[in-house]
């Protein structure tokens, strides 16, 4: 299993971005090898080490293997989604992980 943590830093308009992302989620979840895929945003917890950022959306993904992840990245609905949101996104960082 492969876990992806995608941190997407937005220029603003978080709700518009989330609407576009969530519209794409059903197609992603139907992909072969997709075990889990959802967006998350920061919540206030009062933990001193927490860094809150209202302009960052984190996508948590779990894939059966690297081949499934590669297919996801090249899927037509993902290419279309990235084109739709590109003007809202300032930066993207990925962590691709396997269980230790």
PDB file of N, CA and C in Angstrom:
ATOM      1  N   UNK A   1       0.841  -1.177   0.000  1.00  0.00           N
ATOM      2  CA  UNK A   1       0.000   0.000   0.000  1.00  0.00           C
ATOM      3  C   UNK A   1       0.887   1.241   0.000  1.00  0.00           C
ATOM      4  N   UNK A   2       0.434   2.255  -0.714  1.00  0.00           N
ATOM      5  CA  UNK A   2       1.124   3.530  -0.814  1.00  0.00           C
ATOM      6  C   UNK A   2       0.184   4.612  -0.276  1.00  0.00           C
ATOM      7  N   UNK A   3       0.722   5.461   0.600  1.00  0.00           N
ATOM      8  CA  UNK A   3      -0.048   6.576   1.140  1.00  0.00           C
ATOM      9  C   UNK A   3       0.547   7.868   0.594  1.00  0.00           C
ATOM     10  N   UNK A   4      -0.323   8.766   0.163  1.00  0.00           N
ATOM     11  CA  UNK A   4       0.102  10.069  -0.346  1.00  0.00           C
ATOM     12  C   UNK A   4      -0.522  11.144   0.526  1.00  0.00           C
ATOM     13  N   UNK A   5       0.308  12.084   0.947  1.00  0.00           N
ATOM     14  CA  UNK A   5      -0.151  13.283   1.635  1.00  0.00           C
ATOM     15  C   UNK A   5       0.162  14.441   0.695  1.00  0.00           C
ATOM     16  N   UNK A   6      -0.858  15.019   0.112  1.00  0.00           N
ATOM     17  CA  UNK A   6      -0.687  16.137  -0.816  1.00  0.00           C
ATOM     18  C   UNK A   6      -1.120  17.418  -0.113  1.00  0.00           C
ATOM     19  N   UNK A   7      -0.186  18.344   0.033  1.00  0.00           N
ATOM     20  CA  UNK A   7      -0.485  19.641   0.638  1.00  0.00           C
ATOM     21  C   UNK A   7      -0.602  20.665  -0.477  1.00  0.00           C
ATOM     22  N   UNK A   8      -1.774  21.262  -0.575  1.00  0.00           N
ATOM     23  CA  UNK A   8      -2.044  22.214  -1.643  1.00  0.00           C
ATOM     24  C   UNK A   8      -2.221  23.593  -1.035  1.00  0.00           C
ATOM     25  N   UNK A   9      -1.299  24.464  -1.330  1.00  0.00           N
ATOM     26  CA  UNK A   9      -1.356  25.850  -0.850  1.00  0.00           C
ATOM     27  C   UNK A   9      -2.111  26.662  -1.885  1.00  0.00           C
ATOM     28  N   UNK A  10      -3.176  27.312  -1.421  1.00  0.00           N
ATOM     29  CA  UNK A  10      -4.054  28.070  -2.313  1.00  0.00           C
ATOM     30  C   UNK A  10      -3.743  29.556  -2.276  1.00  0.00           C
ATOM     31  N   UNK A  11      -4.123  30.238  -3.343  1.00  0.00           N
ATOM     32  CA  UNK A  11      -3.998  31.691  -3.418  1.00  0.00           C
ATOM     33  C   UNK A  11      -5.161  32.362  -2.693  1.00  0.00           C
ATOM     34  N   UNK A  12      -6.146  31.596  -2.288  1.00  0.00           N
ATOM     35  CA  UNK A  12      -7.386  32.066  -1.688  1.00  0.00           C
ATOM     36  C   UNK A  12      -8.505  31.211  -2.248  1.00  0.00           C
ATOM     37  N   UNK A  13      -9.734  31.619  -2.051  1.00  0.00           N
ATOM     38  CA  UNK A  13     -10.909  30.934  -2.619  1.00  0.00           C
ATOM     39  C   UNK A  13     -10.928  29.444  -2.286  1.00  0.00           C
ATOM     40  N   UNK A  14     -10.717  29.139  -1.011  1.00  0.00           N
ATOM     41  CA  UNK A  14     -10.681  27.744  -0.569  1.00  0.00           C
ATOM     42  C   UNK A  14     -11.989  27.016  -0.875  1.00  0.00           C
ATOM     43  N   UNK A  15     -13.119  27.656  -0.638  1.00  0.00           N
ATOM     44  CA  UNK A  15     -14.401  26.976  -0.864  1.00  0.00           C
ATOM     45  C   UNK A  15     -14.601  26.626  -2.336  1.00  0.00           C
ATOM     46  N   UNK A  16     -14.216  27.520  -3.236  1.00  0.00           N
ATOM     47  CA  UNK A  16     -14.313  27.225  -4.669  1.00  0.00           C
ATOM     48  C   UNK A  16     -13.415  26.038  -5.020  1.00  0.00           C
ATOM     49  N   UNK A  17     -12.189  26.044  -4.503  1.00  0.00           N
ATOM     50  CA  UNK A  17     -11.274  24.933  -4.745  1.00  0.00           C
ATOM     51  C   UNK A  17     -11.869  23.624  -4.225  1.00  0.00           C
ATOM     52  N   UNK A  18     -12.390  23.643  -2.995  1.00  0.00           N
ATOM     53  CA  UNK A  18     -12.962  22.425  -2.414  1.00  0.00           C
ATOM     54  C   UNK A  18     -14.159  21.924  -3.221  1.00  0.00           C
ATOM     55  N   UNK A  19     -14.966  22.837  -3.731  1.00  0.00           N
ATOM     56  CA  UNK A  19     -16.093  22.429  -4.584  1.00  0.00           C
ATOM     57  C   UNK A  19     -15.588  21.681  -5.819  1.00  0.00           C
ATOM     58  N   UNK A  20     -14.542  22.211  -6.453  1.00  0.00           N
ATOM     59  CA  UNK A  20     -13.993  21.578  -7.651  1.00  0.00           C
ATOM     60  C   UNK A  20     -13.349  20.228  -7.313  1.00  0.00           C
ATOM     61  N   UNK A  21     -12.606  20.191  -6.237  1.00  0.00           N
ATOM     62  CA  UNK A  21     -11.960  18.955  -5.821  1.00  0.00           C
ATOM     63  C   UNK A  21     -12.997  17.889  -5.479  1.00  0.00           C
ATOM     64  N   UNK A  22     -13.963  18.258  -4.652  1.00  0.00           N
ATOM     65  CA  UNK A  22     -14.973  17.283  -4.223  1.00  0.00           C
ATOM     66  C   UNK A  22     -15.842  16.793  -5.374  1.00  0.00           C
ATOM     67  N   UNK A  23     -15.999  17.596  -6.419  1.00  0.00           N
ATOM     68  CA  UNK A  23     -16.730  17.146  -7.609  1.00  0.00           C
ATOM     69  C   UNK A  23     -15.964  16.035  -8.327  1.00  0.00           C
ATOM     70  N   UNK A  24     -14.648  16.012  -8.166  1.00  0.00           N
ATOM     71  CA  UNK A  24     -13.794  15.014  -8.814  1.00  0.00           C
ATOM     72  C   UNK A  24     -13.607  13.741  -7.981  1.00  0.00           C
ATOM     73  N   UNK A  25     -13.874  13.826  -6.690  1.00  0.00           N
ATOM     74  CA  UNK A  25     -13.619  12.696  -5.784  1.00  0.00           C
ATOM     75  C   UNK A  25     -14.342  11.412  -6.203  1.00  0.00           C
ATOM     76  N   UNK A  26     -15.615  11.433  -6.595  1.00  0.00           N
ATOM     77  CA  UNK A  26     -16.258  10.165  -6.980  1.00  0.00           C
ATOM     78  C   UNK A  26     -15.538   9.446  -8.125  1.00  0.00           C
ATOM     79  N   UNK A  27     -15.028  10.196  -9.088  1.00  0.00           N
ATOM     80  CA  UNK A  27     -14.298   9.567 -10.196  1.00  0.00           C
ATOM     81  C   UNK A  27     -12.990   8.960  -9.690  1.00  0.00           C
ATOM     82  N   UNK A  28     -12.319   9.645  -8.782  1.00  0.00           N
ATOM     83  CA  UNK A  28     -11.067   9.124  -8.224  1.00  0.00           C
ATOM     84  C   UNK A  28     -11.335   7.838  -7.450  1.00  0.00           C
ATOM     85  N   UNK A  29     -12.371   7.842  -6.638  1.00  0.00           N
ATOM     86  CA  UNK A  29     -12.661   6.661  -5.806  1.00  0.00           C
ATOM     87  C   UNK A  29     -13.035   5.435  -6.640  1.00  0.00           C
ATOM     88  N   UNK A  30     -13.465   5.651  -7.874  1.00  0.00           N
ATOM     89  CA  UNK A  30     -13.794   4.531  -8.763  1.00  0.00           C
ATOM     90  C   UNK A  30     -12.560   3.949  -9.445  1.00  0.00           C
ATOM     91  N   UNK A  31     -11.432   4.633  -9.345  1.00  0.00           N
ATOM     92  CA  UNK A  31     -10.220   4.159 -10.008  1.00  0.00           C
ATOM     93  C   UNK A  31      -9.752   2.835  -9.407  1.00  0.00           C
ATOM     94  N   UNK A  32      -9.229   1.980 -10.270  1.00  0.00           N
ATOM     95  CA  UNK A  32      -8.664   0.711  -9.812  1.00  0.00           C
ATOM     96  C   UNK A  32      -7.496   0.996  -8.878  1.00  0.00           C
ATOM     97  N   UNK A  33      -7.500   0.382  -7.717  1.00  0.00           N
ATOM     98  CA  UNK A  33      -6.409   0.527  -6.767  1.00  0.00           C
ATOM     99  C   UNK A  33      -6.564   1.662  -5.778  1.00  0.00           C
ATOM    100  N   UNK A  34      -7.634   2.452  -5.893  1.00  0.00           N
ATOM    101  CA  UNK A  34      -7.871   3.529  -4.921  1.00  0.00           C
ATOM    102  C   UNK A  34      -8.511   2.923  -3.672  1.00  0.00           C
ATOM    103  N   UNK A  35      -7.826   3.064  -2.551  1.00  0.00           N
ATOM    104  CA  UNK A  35      -8.332   2.541  -1.287  1.00  0.00           C
ATOM    105  C   UNK A  35      -8.975   3.638  -0.436  1.00  0.00           C
ATOM    106  N   UNK A  36      -8.469   4.863  -0.583  1.00  0.00           N
ATOM    107  CA  UNK A  36      -8.995   5.989   0.201  1.00  0.00           C
ATOM    108  C   UNK A  36      -8.543   7.284  -0.468  1.00  0.00           C
ATOM    109  N   UNK A  37      -9.421   8.304  -0.448  1.00  0.00           N
ATOM    110  CA  UNK A  37      -9.090   9.589  -1.064  1.00  0.00           C
ATOM    111  C   UNK A  37     -10.055  10.625  -0.502  1.00  0.00           C
ATOM    112  N   UNK A  38      -9.505  11.600   0.237  1.00  0.00           N
ATOM    113  CA  UNK A  38     -10.363  12.660   0.759  1.00  0.00           C
ATOM    114  C   UNK A  38      -9.546  13.908   1.052  1.00  0.00           C
ATOM    115  N   UNK A  39     -10.231  15.046   1.068  1.00  0.00           N
ATOM    116  CA  UNK A  39      -9.617  16.327   1.400  1.00  0.00           C
ATOM    117  C   UNK A  39      -9.843  16.623   2.871  1.00  0.00           C
ATOM    118  N   UNK A  40      -8.871  17.318   3.465  1.00  0.00           N
ATOM    119  CA  UNK A  40      -8.974  17.711   4.865  1.00  0.00           C
ATOM    120  C   UNK A  40      -8.445  19.137   5.014  1.00  0.00           C
ATOM    121  N   UNK A  41      -9.000  19.839   6.004  1.00  0.00           N
ATOM    122  CA  UNK A  41      -8.554  21.201   6.303  1.00  0.00           C
ATOM    123  C   UNK A  41      -8.260  21.295   7.799  1.00  0.00           C
ATOM    124  N   UNK A  42      -7.427  22.269   8.148  1.00  0.00           N
ATOM    125  CA  UNK A  42      -7.033  22.455   9.536  1.00  0.00           C
ATOM    126  C   UNK A  42      -8.226  22.810  10.419  1.00  0.00           C
ATOM    127  N   UNK A  43      -8.190  22.303  11.648  1.00  0.00           N
ATOM    128  CA  UNK A  43      -9.144  22.714  12.672  1.00  0.00           C
ATOM    129  C   UNK A  43      -8.354  23.174  13.890  1.00  0.00           C
ATOM    130  N   UNK A  44      -8.921  24.077  14.629  1.00  0.00           N
ATOM    131  CA  UNK A  44      -8.283  24.588  15.855  1.00  0.00           C
ATOM    132  C   UNK A  44      -8.381  23.528  16.942  1.00  0.00           C
ATOM    133  N   UNK A  45      -7.245  23.207  17.545  1.00  0.00           N
ATOM    134  CA  UNK A  45      -7.216  22.192  18.598  1.00  0.00           C
ATOM    135  C   UNK A  45      -6.640  22.714  19.904  1.00  0.00           C
ATOM    136  N   UNK A  46      -5.925  23.827  19.829  1.00  0.00           N
ATOM    137  CA  UNK A  46      -5.253  24.333  21.010  1.00  0.00           C
ATOM    138  C   UNK A  46      -3.901  23.686  21.260  1.00  0.00           C
ATOM    139  N   UNK A  47      -3.474  22.773  20.388  1.00  0.00           N
ATOM    140  CA  UNK A  47      -2.161  22.144  20.527  1.00  0.00           C
ATOM    141  C   UNK A  47      -1.077  23.157  20.167  1.00  0.00           C
ATOM    142  N   UNK A  48      -0.087  23.286  21.030  1.00  0.00           N
ATOM    143  CA  UNK A  48       0.925  24.329  20.836  1.00  0.00           C
ATOM    144  C   UNK A  48       1.783  24.115  19.590  1.00  0.00           C
ATOM    145  N   UNK A  49       1.966  22.901  19.161  1.00  0.00           N
ATOM    146  CA  UNK A  49       2.829  22.640  18.006  1.00  0.00           C
ATOM    147  C   UNK A  49       2.074  22.661  16.674  1.00  0.00           C
ATOM    148  N   UNK A  50       0.772  22.866  16.724  1.00  0.00           N
ATOM    149  CA  UNK A  50      -0.021  22.862  15.500  1.00  0.00           C
ATOM    150  C   UNK A  50       0.184  24.154  14.719  1.00  0.00           C
ATOM    151  N   UNK A  51       0.329  24.013  13.408  1.00  0.00           N
ATOM    152  CA  UNK A  51       0.411  25.161  12.514  1.00  0.00           C
ATOM    153  C   UNK A  51      -0.889  25.202  11.719  1.00  0.00           C
ATOM    154  N   UNK A  52      -1.666  26.256  11.923  1.00  0.00           N
ATOM    155  CA  UNK A  52      -2.937  26.418  11.218  1.00  0.00           C
ATOM    156  C   UNK A  52      -2.724  27.240   9.954  1.00  0.00           C
ATOM    157  N   UNK A  53      -3.351  26.822   8.875  1.00  0.00           N
ATOM    158  CA  UNK A  53      -3.248  27.565   7.621  1.00  0.00           C
ATOM    159  C   UNK A  53      -4.552  27.399   6.845  1.00  0.00           C
ATOM    160  N   UNK A  54      -5.350  28.433   6.830  1.00  0.00           N
ATOM    161  CA  UNK A  54      -6.646  28.354   6.145  1.00  0.00           C
ATOM    162  C   UNK A  54      -6.507  28.283   4.632  1.00  0.00           C
ATOM    163  N   UNK A  55      -5.316  28.535   4.106  1.00  0.00           N
ATOM    164  CA  UNK A  55      -5.100  28.477   2.663  1.00  0.00           C
ATOM    165  C   UNK A  55      -4.433  27.181   2.204  1.00  0.00           C
ATOM    166  N   UNK A  56      -4.397  26.187   3.086  1.00  0.00           N
ATOM    167  CA  UNK A  56      -3.855  24.890   2.699  1.00  0.00           C
ATOM    168  C   UNK A  56      -4.928  23.813   2.828  1.00  0.00           C
ATOM    169  N   UNK A  57      -5.033  23.013   1.786  1.00  0.00           N
ATOM    170  CA  UNK A  57      -5.905  21.839   1.791  1.00  0.00           C
ATOM    171  C   UNK A  57      -4.990  20.624   1.682  1.00  0.00           C
ATOM    172  N   UNK A  58      -5.240  19.638   2.517  1.00  0.00           N
ATOM    173  CA  UNK A  58      -4.450  18.405   2.488  1.00  0.00           C
ATOM    174  C   UNK A  58      -5.324  17.286   1.934  1.00  0.00           C
ATOM    175  N   UNK A  59      -4.783  16.576   0.966  1.00  0.00           N
ATOM    176  CA  UNK A  59      -5.482  15.420   0.415  1.00  0.00           C
ATOM    177  C   UNK A  59      -4.772  14.175   0.922  1.00  0.00           C
ATOM    178  N   UNK A  60      -5.540  13.291   1.545  1.00  0.00           N
ATOM    179  CA  UNK A  60      -5.028  12.018   2.053  1.00  0.00           C
ATOM    180  C   UNK A  60      -5.446  10.939   1.058  1.00  0.00           C
ATOM    181  N   UNK A  61      -4.463  10.216   0.551  1.00  0.00           N
ATOM    182  CA  UNK A  61      -4.732   9.196  -0.466  1.00  0.00           C
ATOM    183  C   UNK A  61      -4.083   7.880  -0.059  1.00  0.00           C
ATOM    184  N   UNK A  62      -4.766   6.793  -0.334  1.00  0.00           N
ATOM    185  CA  UNK A  62      -4.177   5.464  -0.162  1.00  0.00           C
ATOM    186  C   UNK A  62      -4.424   4.687  -1.455  1.00  0.00           C
ATOM    187  N   UNK A  63      -3.330   4.117  -1.967  1.00  0.00           N
ATOM    188  CA  UNK A  63      -3.369   3.383  -3.224  1.00  0.00           C
ATOM    189  C   UNK A  63      -2.823   1.972  -3.009  1.00  0.00           C
ATOM    190  N   UNK A  64      -3.345   1.056  -3.787  1.00  0.00           N
ATOM    191  CA  UNK A  64      -2.926  -0.339  -3.684  1.00  0.00           C
ATOM    192  C   UNK A  64      -1.422  -0.479  -3.915  1.00  0.00           C
ATOM    193  N   UNK A  65      -0.901   0.255  -4.897  1.00  0.00           N
ATOM    194  CA  UNK A  65       0.525   0.176  -5.227  1.00  0.00           C
ATOM    195  C   UNK A  65       0.915   1.399  -6.059  1.00  0.00           C
ATOM    196  N   UNK A  66       2.206   1.485  -6.398  1.00  0.00           N
ATOM    197  CA  UNK A  66       2.692   2.626  -7.182  1.00  0.00           C
ATOM    198  C   UNK A  66       2.093   2.670  -8.582  1.00  0.00           C
ATOM    199  N   UNK A  67       1.790   1.523  -9.152  1.00  0.00           N
ATOM    200  CA  UNK A  67       1.175   1.494 -10.480  1.00  0.00           C
ATOM    201  C   UNK A  67      -0.205   2.156 -10.451  1.00  0.00           C
ATOM    202  N   UNK A  68      -0.971   1.895  -9.402  1.00  0.00           N
ATOM    203  CA  UNK A  68      -2.293   2.524  -9.267  1.00  0.00           C
ATOM    204  C   UNK A  68      -2.149   4.036  -9.104  1.00  0.00           C
ATOM    205  N   UNK A  69      -1.166   4.472  -8.340  1.00  0.00           N
ATOM    206  CA  UNK A  69      -0.917   5.910  -8.180  1.00  0.00           C
ATOM    207  C   UNK A  69      -0.531   6.535  -9.510  1.00  0.00           C
ATOM    208  N   UNK A  70       0.336   5.888 -10.261  1.00  0.00           N
ATOM    209  CA  UNK A  70       0.757   6.410 -11.565  1.00  0.00           C
ATOM    210  C   UNK A  70      -0.432   6.524 -12.514  1.00  0.00           C
ATOM    211  N   UNK A  71      -1.294   5.515 -12.520  1.00  0.00           N
ATOM    212  CA  UNK A  71      -2.486   5.555 -13.372  1.00  0.00           C
ATOM    213  C   UNK A  71      -3.401   6.706 -12.954  1.00  0.00           C
ATOM    214  N   UNK A  72      -3.528   6.924 -11.656  1.00  0.00           N
ATOM    215  CA  UNK A  72      -4.345   8.027 -11.134  1.00  0.00           C
ATOM    216  C   UNK A  72      -3.830   9.375 -11.649  1.00  0.00           C
ATOM    217  N   UNK A  73      -2.532   9.561 -11.572  1.00  0.00           N
ATOM    218  CA  UNK A  73      -1.953  10.842 -11.978  1.00  0.00           C
ATOM    219  C   UNK A  73      -2.156  11.130 -13.462  1.00  0.00           C
ATOM    220  N   UNK A  74      -2.300  10.087 -14.273  1.00  0.00           N
ATOM    221  CA  UNK A  74      -2.485  10.243 -15.713  1.00  0.00           C
ATOM    222  C   UNK A  74      -3.939  10.128 -16.152  1.00  0.00           C
ATOM    223  N   UNK A  75      -4.853   9.884 -15.216  1.00  0.00           N
ATOM    224  CA  UNK A  75      -6.270   9.693 -15.565  1.00  0.00           C
ATOM    225  C   UNK A  75      -6.841  10.969 -16.190  1.00  0.00           C
ATOM    226  N   UNK A  76      -7.672  10.831 -17.223  1.00  0.00           N
ATOM    227  CA  UNK A  76      -8.242  12.008 -17.890  1.00  0.00           C
ATOM    228  C   UNK A  76      -8.964  12.969 -16.939  1.00  0.00           C
ATOM    229  N   UNK A  77      -9.704  12.433 -15.962  1.00  0.00           N
ATOM    230  CA  UNK A  77     -10.410  13.335 -15.043  1.00  0.00           C
ATOM    231  C   UNK A  77      -9.436  14.103 -14.156  1.00  0.00           C
ATOM    232  N   UNK A  78      -8.261  13.543 -13.895  1.00  0.00           N
ATOM    233  CA  UNK A  78      -7.260  14.262 -13.107  1.00  0.00           C
ATOM    234  C   UNK A  78      -6.593  15.360 -13.933  1.00  0.00           C
ATOM    235  N   UNK A  79      -6.332  15.082 -15.185  1.00  0.00           N
ATOM    236  CA  UNK A  79      -5.763  16.110 -16.066  1.00  0.00           C
ATOM    237  C   UNK A  79      -6.730  17.278 -16.199  1.00  0.00           C
ATOM    238  N   UNK A  80      -8.014  16.975 -16.339  1.00  0.00           N
ATOM    239  CA  UNK A  80      -9.047  18.016 -16.438  1.00  0.00           C
ATOM    240  C   UNK A  80      -9.160  18.799 -15.126  1.00  0.00           C
ATOM    241  N   UNK A  81      -9.152  18.097 -14.015  1.00  0.00           N
ATOM    242  CA  UNK A  81      -9.226  18.739 -12.695  1.00  0.00           C
ATOM    243  C   UNK A  81      -8.054  19.696 -12.482  1.00  0.00           C
ATOM    244  N   UNK A  82      -6.834  19.241 -12.767  1.00  0.00           N
ATOM    245  CA  UNK A  82      -5.658  20.098 -12.567  1.00  0.00           C
ATOM    246  C   UNK A  82      -5.735  21.358 -13.429  1.00  0.00           C
ATOM    247  N   UNK A  83      -6.258  21.236 -14.616  1.00  0.00           N
ATOM    248  CA  UNK A  83      -6.422  22.399 -15.488  1.00  0.00           C
ATOM    249  C   UNK A  83      -7.439  23.383 -14.895  1.00  0.00           C
ATOM    250  N   UNK A  84      -8.526  22.857 -14.334  1.00  0.00           N
ATOM    251  CA  UNK A  84      -9.565  23.710 -13.745  1.00  0.00           C
ATOM    252  C   UNK A  84      -9.074  24.491 -12.531  1.00  0.00           C
ATOM    253  N   UNK A  85      -8.238  23.867 -11.710  1.00  0.00           N
ATOM    254  CA  UNK A  85      -7.841  24.499 -10.443  1.00  0.00           C
ATOM    255  C   UNK A  85      -6.503  25.224 -10.508  1.00  0.00           C
ATOM    256  N   UNK A  86      -5.802  25.163 -11.619  1.00  0.00           N
ATOM    257  CA  UNK A  86      -4.428  25.672 -11.666  1.00  0.00           C
ATOM    258  C   UNK A  86      -4.311  27.145 -11.274  1.00  0.00           C
ATOM    259  N   UNK A  87      -5.296  27.963 -11.561  1.00  0.00           N
ATOM    260  CA  UNK A  87      -5.221  29.387 -11.214  1.00  0.00           C
ATOM    261  C   UNK A  87      -5.520  29.647  -9.737  1.00  0.00           C
ATOM    262  N   UNK A  88      -6.017  28.645  -9.022  1.00  0.00           N
ATOM    263  CA  UNK A  88      -6.303  28.779  -7.593  1.00  0.00           C
ATOM    264  C   UNK A  88      -5.138  28.304  -6.731  1.00  0.00           C
ATOM    265  N   UNK A  89      -4.224  27.537  -7.336  1.00  0.00           N
ATOM    266  CA  UNK A  89      -3.161  26.866  -6.592  1.00  0.00           C
ATOM    267  C   UNK A  89      -1.861  27.668  -6.653  1.00  0.00           C
ATOM    268  N   UNK A  90      -1.300  27.891  -5.473  1.00  0.00           N
ATOM    269  CA  UNK A  90       0.002  28.560  -5.379  1.00  0.00           C
ATOM    270  C   UNK A  90       1.142  27.552  -5.410  1.00  0.00           C
ATOM    271  N   UNK A  91       0.966  26.418  -4.700  1.00  0.00           N
ATOM    272  CA  UNK A  91       2.043  25.442  -4.589  1.00  0.00           C
ATOM    273  C   UNK A  91       1.468  24.089  -4.192  1.00  0.00           C
ATOM    274  N   UNK A  92       2.140  23.025  -4.605  1.00  0.00           N
ATOM    275  CA  UNK A  92       1.753  21.665  -4.215  1.00  0.00           C
ATOM    276  C   UNK A  92       2.999  20.943  -3.733  1.00  0.00           C
ATOM    277  N   UNK A  93       2.874  20.258  -2.600  1.00  0.00           N
ATOM    278  CA  UNK A  93       3.963  19.392  -2.146  1.00  0.00           C
ATOM    279  C   UNK A  93       3.374  18.018  -1.839  1.00  0.00           C
ATOM    280  N   UNK A  94       4.137  16.999  -2.162  1.00  0.00           N
ATOM    281  CA  UNK A  94       3.685  15.614  -1.993  1.00  0.00           C
ATOM    282  C   UNK A  94       4.630  14.860  -1.087  1.00  0.00           C
ATOM    283  N   UNK A  95       4.055  13.996  -0.270  1.00  0.00           N
ATOM    284  CA  UNK A  95       4.804  12.980   0.458  1.00  0.00           C
ATOM    285  C   UNK A  95       4.197  11.659   0.022  1.00  0.00           C
ATOM    286  N   UNK A  96       5.016  10.806  -0.549  1.00  0.00           N
ATOM    287  CA  UNK A  96       4.580   9.476  -0.966  1.00  0.00           C
ATOM    288  C   UNK A  96       5.253   8.498  -0.022  1.00  0.00           C
ATOM    289  N   UNK A  97       4.444   7.744   0.710  1.00  0.00           N
ATOM    290  CA  UNK A  97       4.927   6.958   1.841  1.00  0.00           C
ATOM    291  C   UNK A  97       4.530   5.490   1.741  1.00  0.00           C
ATOM    292  N   UNK A  98       5.337   4.654   2.367  1.00  0.00           N
ATOM    293  CA  UNK A  98       4.964   3.258   2.572  1.00  0.00           C
ATOM    294  C   UNK A  98       5.133   2.953   4.051  1.00  0.00           C
ATOM    295  N   UNK A  99       4.429   1.974   4.522  1.00  0.00           N
ATOM    296  CA  UNK A  99       4.509   1.612   5.938  1.00  0.00           C
ATOM    297  C   UNK A  99       5.909   1.122   6.277  1.00  0.00           C
ATOM    298  N   UNK A 100       6.433   1.584   7.403  1.00  0.00           N
ATOM    299  CA  UNK A 100       7.780   1.207   7.825  1.00  0.00           C
ATOM    300  C   UNK A 100       7.769  -0.074   8.626  1.00  0.00           C
TER     301      UNK A 100
END
